Amino acid sequence: MMLGELIPSGGGDAIPLLQSKILIGRRSSCDIVLPFPNVSSQHCELELLNGYWQIRDLGSRNGIKINGERVDTKWLHPGDEVSIAKNHFEIQYEPAGQAPEEEDVFAMSLLEKAGLEKKKAEMRRMTMPKAARKPATNQNFDADEDAAMDWLLGD
């Protein structure tokens, strides 16, 4: 069963999309082989999810573009222009279900996306640890050590 096709912009035979996950690259083991030097060995991946195709760059050198915009991951709609390195295609398929929503990449910082930045409210709730207290007088400290400890603790 054909799930869609990539139609070369410069002419040529359409490439059928026959499975729900398709690896595209220069390597002969890829599902779609693009034997060009500017295409990485494993360039990108197409995946059919909930009736819509999604494309994901696999860390290629020359990247992927959708409708002229460089992307890492993007939902594809019928008629979108897909550029793999310098090879241009139009994707055609019949979508099923409701269109997926694009994630707004500018909605949160990279630190938030990675889970490394705490939200401001969480930061306000956090309490600082109690300041270190001067230990009880200990006969083992000499006057210089006591002075240093006082200086460190701000007494």
N, C-alpha and C. Protein backbone atom coordinates (compact mmCIF):
# COMPACT_ATOMS: atom_id res chain seq x y z
N MET A 1 0.84 -1.18 0.00
CA MET A 1 0.00 0.00 0.00
C MET A 1 0.89 1.24 0.00
N MET A 2 0.62 2.16 -0.91
CA MET A 2 1.40 3.39 -1.00
C MET A 2 0.83 4.41 -0.02
N LEU A 3 1.74 5.02 0.80
CA LEU A 3 1.34 5.97 1.83
C LEU A 3 1.58 7.42 1.40
N GLY A 4 2.05 7.58 0.18
CA GLY A 4 2.34 8.90 -0.36
C GLY A 4 3.50 8.77 -1.32
N GLU A 5 3.99 9.92 -1.81
CA GLU A 5 5.14 9.89 -2.72
C GLU A 5 5.88 11.21 -2.68
N LEU A 6 7.16 11.13 -3.00
CA LEU A 6 8.01 12.30 -3.18
C LEU A 6 8.17 12.51 -4.67
N ILE A 7 7.79 13.68 -5.15
CA ILE A 7 7.85 13.97 -6.58
C ILE A 7 9.04 14.90 -6.81
N PRO A 8 10.07 14.47 -7.57
CA PRO A 8 11.23 15.32 -7.82
C PRO A 8 10.83 16.61 -8.52
N SER A 9 11.31 17.76 -8.02
CA SER A 9 10.95 19.06 -8.60
C SER A 9 11.51 19.24 -10.00
N GLY A 10 12.65 18.65 -10.29
CA GLY A 10 13.25 18.82 -11.60
C GLY A 10 12.76 17.80 -12.62
N GLY A 11 11.75 17.04 -12.27
CA GLY A 11 11.26 15.99 -13.15
C GLY A 11 11.86 14.65 -12.75
N GLY A 12 11.31 13.61 -13.28
CA GLY A 12 11.76 12.26 -12.95
C GLY A 12 10.64 11.48 -12.30
N ASP A 13 10.95 10.22 -12.02
CA ASP A 13 9.95 9.32 -11.44
C ASP A 13 9.67 9.67 -9.99
N ALA A 14 8.40 9.59 -9.62
CA ALA A 14 8.00 9.79 -8.23
C ALA A 14 8.55 8.65 -7.38
N ILE A 15 8.90 8.96 -6.14
CA ILE A 15 9.42 7.95 -5.21
C ILE A 15 8.27 7.57 -4.28
N PRO A 16 7.82 6.31 -4.35
CA PRO A 16 6.70 5.91 -3.49
C PRO A 16 7.13 5.78 -2.03
N LEU A 17 6.25 6.17 -1.13
CA LEU A 17 6.46 6.01 0.31
C LEU A 17 5.65 4.79 0.72
N LEU A 18 6.35 3.66 0.90
CA LEU A 18 5.67 2.37 1.06
C LEU A 18 5.60 1.88 2.50
N GLN A 19 6.31 2.50 3.41
CA GLN A 19 6.25 2.07 4.81
C GLN A 19 6.16 3.29 5.70
N SER A 20 5.80 3.09 6.96
CA SER A 20 5.52 4.23 7.83
C SER A 20 6.78 4.88 8.40
N LYS A 21 7.94 4.27 8.25
CA LYS A 21 9.19 4.86 8.69
C LYS A 21 10.21 4.63 7.58
N ILE A 22 10.79 5.72 7.06
CA ILE A 22 11.66 5.64 5.88
C ILE A 22 12.95 6.39 6.15
N LEU A 23 14.06 5.69 5.98
CA LEU A 23 15.38 6.28 6.13
C LEU A 23 15.87 6.73 4.76
N ILE A 24 16.31 8.00 4.68
CA ILE A 24 16.77 8.58 3.41
C ILE A 24 18.23 8.95 3.56
N GLY A 25 19.05 8.54 2.60
CA GLY A 25 20.46 8.90 2.64
C GLY A 25 21.22 8.35 1.45
N ARG A 26 22.53 8.52 1.50
CA ARG A 26 23.41 8.07 0.41
C ARG A 26 23.74 6.59 0.52
N ARG A 27 23.70 6.03 1.73
CA ARG A 27 24.08 4.63 1.97
C ARG A 27 23.09 3.68 1.29
N SER A 28 23.61 2.61 0.72
CA SER A 28 22.76 1.66 -0.01
C SER A 28 21.76 0.94 0.90
N SER A 29 21.98 0.95 2.20
CA SER A 29 21.06 0.29 3.12
C SER A 29 19.84 1.17 3.46
N CYS A 30 19.83 2.42 2.99
CA CYS A 30 18.69 3.32 3.25
C CYS A 30 17.48 2.87 2.44
N ASP A 31 16.29 3.22 2.91
CA ASP A 31 15.05 2.90 2.20
C ASP A 31 14.95 3.70 0.90
N ILE A 32 15.34 4.96 0.94
CA ILE A 32 15.41 5.80 -0.26
C ILE A 32 16.85 6.24 -0.39
N VAL A 33 17.50 5.82 -1.48
CA VAL A 33 18.92 6.14 -1.69
C VAL A 33 19.03 7.33 -2.63
N LEU A 34 19.72 8.37 -2.16
CA LEU A 34 20.02 9.54 -2.98
C LEU A 34 21.55 9.56 -3.16
N PRO A 35 22.05 8.99 -4.25
CA PRO A 35 23.50 8.79 -4.41
C PRO A 35 24.26 10.04 -4.84
N PHE A 36 24.21 11.08 -4.00
CA PHE A 36 24.87 12.34 -4.32
C PHE A 36 25.85 12.68 -3.19
N PRO A 37 27.00 13.27 -3.52
CA PRO A 37 28.00 13.55 -2.50
C PRO A 37 27.54 14.53 -1.42
N ASN A 38 26.56 15.39 -1.70
CA ASN A 38 26.11 16.35 -0.69
C ASN A 38 25.02 15.77 0.22
N VAL A 39 24.65 14.51 0.00
CA VAL A 39 23.68 13.82 0.86
C VAL A 39 24.46 12.96 1.85
N SER A 40 24.13 13.09 3.13
CA SER A 40 24.82 12.29 4.15
C SER A 40 24.45 10.83 4.04
N SER A 41 25.28 9.96 4.61
CA SER A 41 25.02 8.52 4.51
C SER A 41 23.66 8.16 5.09
N GLN A 42 23.30 8.75 6.21
CA GLN A 42 21.93 8.64 6.76
C GLN A 42 21.49 10.08 7.03
N HIS A 43 20.82 10.67 6.07
CA HIS A 43 20.54 12.11 6.06
C HIS A 43 19.33 12.49 6.92
N CYS A 44 18.20 11.82 6.66
CA CYS A 44 16.98 12.17 7.38
C CYS A 44 16.04 10.98 7.42
N GLU A 45 14.96 11.16 8.17
CA GLU A 45 13.99 10.09 8.33
C GLU A 45 12.59 10.67 8.16
N LEU A 46 11.76 9.96 7.42
CA LEU A 46 10.34 10.29 7.30
C LEU A 46 9.57 9.29 8.16
N GLU A 47 8.61 9.79 8.91
CA GLU A 47 7.79 8.87 9.72
C GLU A 47 6.33 9.32 9.65
N LEU A 48 5.47 8.36 9.39
CA LEU A 48 4.03 8.61 9.35
C LEU A 48 3.47 8.40 10.75
N LEU A 49 3.00 9.50 11.35
CA LEU A 49 2.48 9.45 12.72
C LEU A 49 1.08 10.04 12.74
N ASN A 50 0.11 9.27 13.18
CA ASN A 50 -1.28 9.73 13.27
C ASN A 50 -1.79 10.33 11.96
N GLY A 51 -1.39 9.72 10.84
CA GLY A 51 -1.90 10.14 9.54
C GLY A 51 -1.15 11.27 8.87
N TYR A 52 -0.08 11.77 9.49
CA TYR A 52 0.71 12.86 8.91
C TYR A 52 2.18 12.47 8.89
N TRP A 53 2.87 12.88 7.83
CA TRP A 53 4.30 12.62 7.72
C TRP A 53 5.07 13.68 8.51
N GLN A 54 6.10 13.21 9.18
CA GLN A 54 7.02 14.09 9.88
C GLN A 54 8.42 13.79 9.37
N ILE A 55 9.23 14.82 9.16
CA ILE A 55 10.61 14.63 8.71
C ILE A 55 11.53 15.05 9.84
N ARG A 56 12.65 14.31 9.99
CA ARG A 56 13.61 14.60 11.04
C ARG A 56 15.02 14.48 10.47
N ASP A 57 15.81 15.52 10.63
CA ASP A 57 17.20 15.51 10.20
C ASP A 57 17.98 14.61 11.16
N LEU A 58 18.88 13.80 10.62
CA LEU A 58 19.66 12.88 11.45
C LEU A 58 21.09 13.41 11.64
N GLY A 59 21.23 14.71 11.77
CA GLY A 59 22.54 15.30 11.99
C GLY A 59 23.34 15.43 10.71
N SER A 60 22.66 15.60 9.60
CA SER A 60 23.33 15.69 8.30
C SER A 60 24.14 16.98 8.18
N ARG A 61 25.12 16.96 7.32
CA ARG A 61 25.96 18.14 7.11
C ARG A 61 25.21 19.23 6.36
N ASN A 62 24.45 18.87 5.33
CA ASN A 62 23.80 19.87 4.48
C ASN A 62 22.33 20.10 4.81
N GLY A 63 21.79 19.41 5.79
CA GLY A 63 20.48 19.69 6.34
C GLY A 63 19.29 19.41 5.44
N ILE A 64 18.12 19.75 5.99
CA ILE A 64 16.86 19.63 5.27
C ILE A 64 16.12 20.97 5.37
N LYS A 65 15.33 21.26 4.35
CA LYS A 65 14.50 22.46 4.35
C LYS A 65 13.09 22.07 3.96
N ILE A 66 12.13 22.74 4.57
CA ILE A 66 10.73 22.59 4.19
C ILE A 66 10.25 23.96 3.75
N ASN A 67 9.79 24.03 2.49
CA ASN A 67 9.34 25.30 1.91
C ASN A 67 10.40 26.39 2.08
N GLY A 68 11.67 26.01 1.90
CA GLY A 68 12.78 26.96 1.95
C GLY A 68 13.31 27.27 3.33
N GLU A 69 12.72 26.72 4.39
CA GLU A 69 13.15 27.00 5.76
C GLU A 69 13.88 25.80 6.33
N ARG A 70 15.11 26.02 6.80
CA ARG A 70 15.89 24.92 7.38
C ARG A 70 15.25 24.48 8.70
N VAL A 71 15.10 23.18 8.87
CA VAL A 71 14.45 22.63 10.06
C VAL A 71 15.22 21.40 10.54
N ASP A 72 14.97 21.04 11.79
CA ASP A 72 15.48 19.78 12.32
C ASP A 72 14.38 18.73 12.27
N THR A 73 13.17 19.13 12.66
CA THR A 73 12.00 18.26 12.65
C THR A 73 10.81 19.10 12.24
N LYS A 74 9.95 18.54 11.40
CA LYS A 74 8.79 19.32 10.96
C LYS A 74 7.70 18.38 10.46
N TRP A 75 6.45 18.72 10.75
CA TRP A 75 5.30 18.03 10.18
C TRP A 75 5.16 18.46 8.73
N LEU A 76 4.86 17.53 7.85
CA LEU A 76 4.72 17.82 6.43
C LEU A 76 3.26 17.80 6.03
N HIS A 77 2.89 18.74 5.19
CA HIS A 77 1.54 18.79 4.65
C HIS A 77 1.61 18.53 3.15
N PRO A 78 0.56 17.97 2.58
CA PRO A 78 0.58 17.71 1.13
C PRO A 78 0.94 18.98 0.35
N GLY A 79 1.86 18.83 -0.59
CA GLY A 79 2.30 19.96 -1.41
C GLY A 79 3.52 20.69 -0.87
N ASP A 80 3.97 20.35 0.34
CA ASP A 80 5.17 20.98 0.88
C ASP A 80 6.38 20.63 0.02
N GLU A 81 7.30 21.60 -0.10
CA GLU A 81 8.55 21.32 -0.79
C GLU A 81 9.56 20.83 0.23
N VAL A 82 10.10 19.65 0.00
CA VAL A 82 11.08 19.03 0.88
C VAL A 82 12.43 19.09 0.17
N SER A 83 13.41 19.75 0.80
CA SER A 83 14.76 19.82 0.22
C SER A 83 15.70 19.01 1.09
N ILE A 84 16.33 18.02 0.49
CA ILE A 84 17.30 17.17 1.17
C ILE A 84 18.64 17.50 0.53
N ALA A 85 19.50 18.19 1.29
CA ALA A 85 20.71 18.80 0.72
C ALA A 85 20.25 19.72 -0.40
N LYS A 86 20.62 19.48 -1.64
CA LYS A 86 20.18 20.34 -2.75
C LYS A 86 19.17 19.63 -3.65
N ASN A 87 18.56 18.57 -3.16
CA ASN A 87 17.58 17.79 -3.92
C ASN A 87 16.19 18.17 -3.45
N HIS A 88 15.34 18.61 -4.39
CA HIS A 88 14.03 19.15 -4.05
C HIS A 88 12.92 18.20 -4.50
N PHE A 89 11.95 18.01 -3.60
CA PHE A 89 10.81 17.15 -3.87
C PHE A 89 9.54 17.84 -3.38
N GLU A 90 8.43 17.41 -3.91
CA GLU A 90 7.13 17.80 -3.38
C GLU A 90 6.53 16.54 -2.78
N ILE A 91 6.05 16.65 -1.55
CA ILE A 91 5.43 15.47 -0.92
C ILE A 91 3.93 15.50 -1.22
N GLN A 92 3.41 14.36 -1.63
CA GLN A 92 1.99 14.19 -1.88
C GLN A 92 1.49 12.98 -1.10
N TYR A 93 0.41 13.18 -0.37
CA TYR A 93 -0.25 12.09 0.36
C TYR A 93 -1.61 12.56 0.82
N GLU A 94 -2.42 11.62 1.25
CA GLU A 94 -3.74 11.93 1.79
C GLU A 94 -3.64 11.88 3.31
N PRO A 95 -3.70 13.04 3.98
CA PRO A 95 -3.60 13.03 5.44
C PRO A 95 -4.82 12.37 6.07
N ALA A 96 -4.60 11.78 7.21
CA ALA A 96 -5.69 11.15 7.96
C ALA A 96 -5.71 11.77 9.36
N GLY A 97 -6.88 12.09 9.84
CA GLY A 97 -6.99 12.65 11.18
C GLY A 97 -6.76 14.14 11.22
N GLN A 98 -6.67 14.66 12.44
CA GLN A 98 -6.51 16.09 12.66
C GLN A 98 -5.04 16.47 12.49
N ALA A 99 -4.80 17.62 11.89
CA ALA A 99 -3.42 18.08 11.66
C ALA A 99 -2.71 18.29 12.99
N PRO A 100 -1.48 17.82 13.09
CA PRO A 100 -0.72 18.02 14.33
C PRO A 100 -0.32 19.47 14.48
N GLU A 101 -0.16 19.90 15.72
CA GLU A 101 0.25 21.27 15.98
C GLU A 101 1.77 21.34 16.00
N GLU A 102 2.28 22.41 15.39
CA GLU A 102 3.72 22.64 15.41
C GLU A 102 4.11 23.17 16.77
N GLU A 103 5.25 22.73 17.26
CA GLU A 103 5.78 23.25 18.51
C GLU A 103 6.42 24.59 18.23
N ASP A 104 6.13 25.59 19.07
CA ASP A 104 6.75 26.90 18.91
C ASP A 104 8.13 26.84 19.54
N VAL A 105 9.15 26.80 18.69
CA VAL A 105 10.52 26.62 19.19
C VAL A 105 10.99 27.81 20.01
N PHE A 106 10.33 28.97 19.89
CA PHE A 106 10.74 30.14 20.64
C PHE A 106 9.93 30.33 21.92
N ALA A 107 8.99 29.42 22.20
CA ALA A 107 8.13 29.56 23.37
C ALA A 107 8.91 29.37 24.67
N MET A 108 9.96 28.59 24.64
CA MET A 108 10.74 28.38 25.85
C MET A 108 12.22 28.36 25.51
N SER A 109 13.03 28.62 26.51
CA SER A 109 14.46 28.65 26.28
C SER A 109 14.99 27.23 26.10
N LEU A 110 16.19 27.14 25.56
CA LEU A 110 16.80 25.82 25.40
C LEU A 110 17.01 25.15 26.74
N LEU A 111 17.33 25.93 27.76
CA LEU A 111 17.52 25.35 29.10
C LEU A 111 16.21 24.77 29.62
N GLU A 112 15.09 25.48 29.38
CA GLU A 112 13.78 24.95 29.81
C GLU A 112 13.45 23.68 29.05
N LYS A 113 13.69 23.68 27.71
CA LYS A 113 13.40 22.49 26.91
C LYS A 113 14.17 21.28 27.42
N ALA A 114 15.40 21.53 27.85
CA ALA A 114 16.24 20.44 28.34
C ALA A 114 15.93 20.10 29.80
N GLY A 115 15.04 20.87 30.42
CA GLY A 115 14.70 20.60 31.82
C GLY A 115 15.77 21.06 32.79
N LEU A 116 16.63 22.00 32.37
CA LEU A 116 17.73 22.44 33.21
C LEU A 116 17.45 23.76 33.92
N GLU A 117 16.42 24.45 33.52
CA GLU A 117 16.11 25.74 34.13
C GLU A 117 14.82 25.61 34.94
N LYS A 118 14.91 25.99 36.19
CA LYS A 118 13.72 25.93 37.03
C LYS A 118 12.88 27.18 36.79
N LYS A 119 11.61 27.02 36.91
CA LYS A 119 10.71 28.15 36.72
C LYS A 119 10.90 29.15 37.86
N LYS A 120 10.59 30.42 37.58
CA LYS A 120 10.79 31.48 38.56
C LYS A 120 10.04 31.21 39.86
N ALA A 121 8.82 30.70 39.76
CA ALA A 121 8.05 30.42 40.97
C ALA A 121 8.75 29.36 41.83
N GLU A 122 9.29 28.35 41.18
CA GLU A 122 10.02 27.33 41.93
C GLU A 122 11.25 27.92 42.59
N MET A 123 11.91 28.85 41.90
CA MET A 123 13.11 29.47 42.45
C MET A 123 12.75 30.29 43.69
N ARG A 124 11.60 30.97 43.66
CA ARG A 124 11.20 31.78 44.81
C ARG A 124 10.88 30.90 46.03
N ARG A 125 10.31 29.73 45.79
CA ARG A 125 9.94 28.85 46.90
C ARG A 125 11.15 28.19 47.54
N MET A 126 12.22 28.09 46.77
CA MET A 126 13.41 27.44 47.32
C MET A 126 13.97 28.29 48.45
N THR A 127 14.40 27.65 49.51
CA THR A 127 15.01 28.39 50.61
C THR A 127 16.50 28.11 50.60
N MET A 128 17.21 29.13 50.99
CA MET A 128 18.65 28.98 51.06
C MET A 128 18.99 28.21 52.33
N PRO A 129 20.06 27.44 52.30
CA PRO A 129 20.44 26.72 53.51
C PRO A 129 20.86 27.72 54.59
N LYS A 130 20.62 27.34 55.84
CA LYS A 130 20.99 28.21 56.95
C LYS A 130 22.50 28.40 56.92
N ALA A 131 22.89 29.62 57.26
CA ALA A 131 24.32 29.94 57.26
C ALA A 131 25.03 29.07 58.29
N ALA A 132 26.25 28.76 57.99
CA ALA A 132 27.05 27.96 58.93
C ALA A 132 27.24 28.76 60.21
N ARG A 133 27.19 28.07 61.29
CA ARG A 133 27.36 28.73 62.59
C ARG A 133 28.73 28.40 63.15
N LYS A 134 29.21 29.31 63.93
CA LYS A 134 30.50 29.11 64.57
C LYS A 134 30.36 27.94 65.54
N PRO A 135 31.26 26.99 65.43
CA PRO A 135 31.17 25.85 66.35
C PRO A 135 31.38 26.31 67.79
N ALA A 136 30.87 25.51 68.68
CA ALA A 136 31.06 25.80 70.10
C ALA A 136 32.56 25.91 70.37
N THR A 137 32.90 26.69 71.37
CA THR A 137 34.30 26.91 71.68
C THR A 137 34.98 25.56 71.87
N ASN A 138 36.09 25.42 71.18
CA ASN A 138 36.84 24.17 71.25
C ASN A 138 38.25 24.52 71.68
N GLN A 139 38.69 23.88 72.72
CA GLN A 139 40.00 24.18 73.29
C GLN A 139 41.13 23.83 72.32
N ASN A 140 40.86 23.06 71.24
CA ASN A 140 41.92 22.62 70.34
C ASN A 140 42.33 23.71 69.35
N PHE A 141 41.53 24.82 69.21
CA PHE A 141 41.88 25.88 68.27
C PHE A 141 42.79 26.88 68.96
N ASP A 142 43.81 27.32 68.23
CA ASP A 142 44.64 28.39 68.79
C ASP A 142 44.03 29.72 68.38
N ALA A 143 44.61 30.81 68.81
CA ALA A 143 44.06 32.16 68.57
C ALA A 143 43.99 32.47 67.07
N ASP A 144 45.00 32.05 66.30
CA ASP A 144 45.00 32.31 64.86
C ASP A 144 43.85 31.57 64.17
N GLU A 145 43.62 30.32 64.57
CA GLU A 145 42.54 29.54 63.98
C GLU A 145 41.18 30.13 64.35
N ASP A 146 41.05 30.59 65.61
CA ASP A 146 39.80 31.24 66.02
C ASP A 146 39.56 32.51 65.20
N ALA A 147 40.61 33.30 64.96
CA ALA A 147 40.48 34.54 64.19
C ALA A 147 40.09 34.22 62.74
N ALA A 148 40.70 33.19 62.18
CA ALA A 148 40.37 32.79 60.81
C ALA A 148 38.91 32.33 60.72
N MET A 149 38.46 31.55 61.71
CA MET A 149 37.09 31.07 61.72
C MET A 149 36.10 32.23 61.86
N ASP A 150 36.43 33.19 62.72
CA ASP A 150 35.58 34.37 62.86
C ASP A 150 35.48 35.12 61.54
N TRP A 151 36.63 35.27 60.85
CA TRP A 151 36.66 35.98 59.58
C TRP A 151 35.82 35.25 58.53
N LEU A 152 35.96 33.90 58.46
CA LEU A 152 35.20 33.12 57.48
C LEU A 152 33.70 33.17 57.74
N LEU A 153 33.31 33.16 58.99
CA LEU A 153 31.89 33.13 59.33
C LEU A 153 31.31 34.54 59.43
N GLY A 154 32.15 35.55 59.30
CA GLY A 154 31.66 36.92 59.32
C GLY A 154 31.27 37.41 60.70
N ASP A 155 31.79 36.79 61.72
CA ASP A 155 31.49 37.23 63.11
C ASP A 155 32.34 38.41 63.50
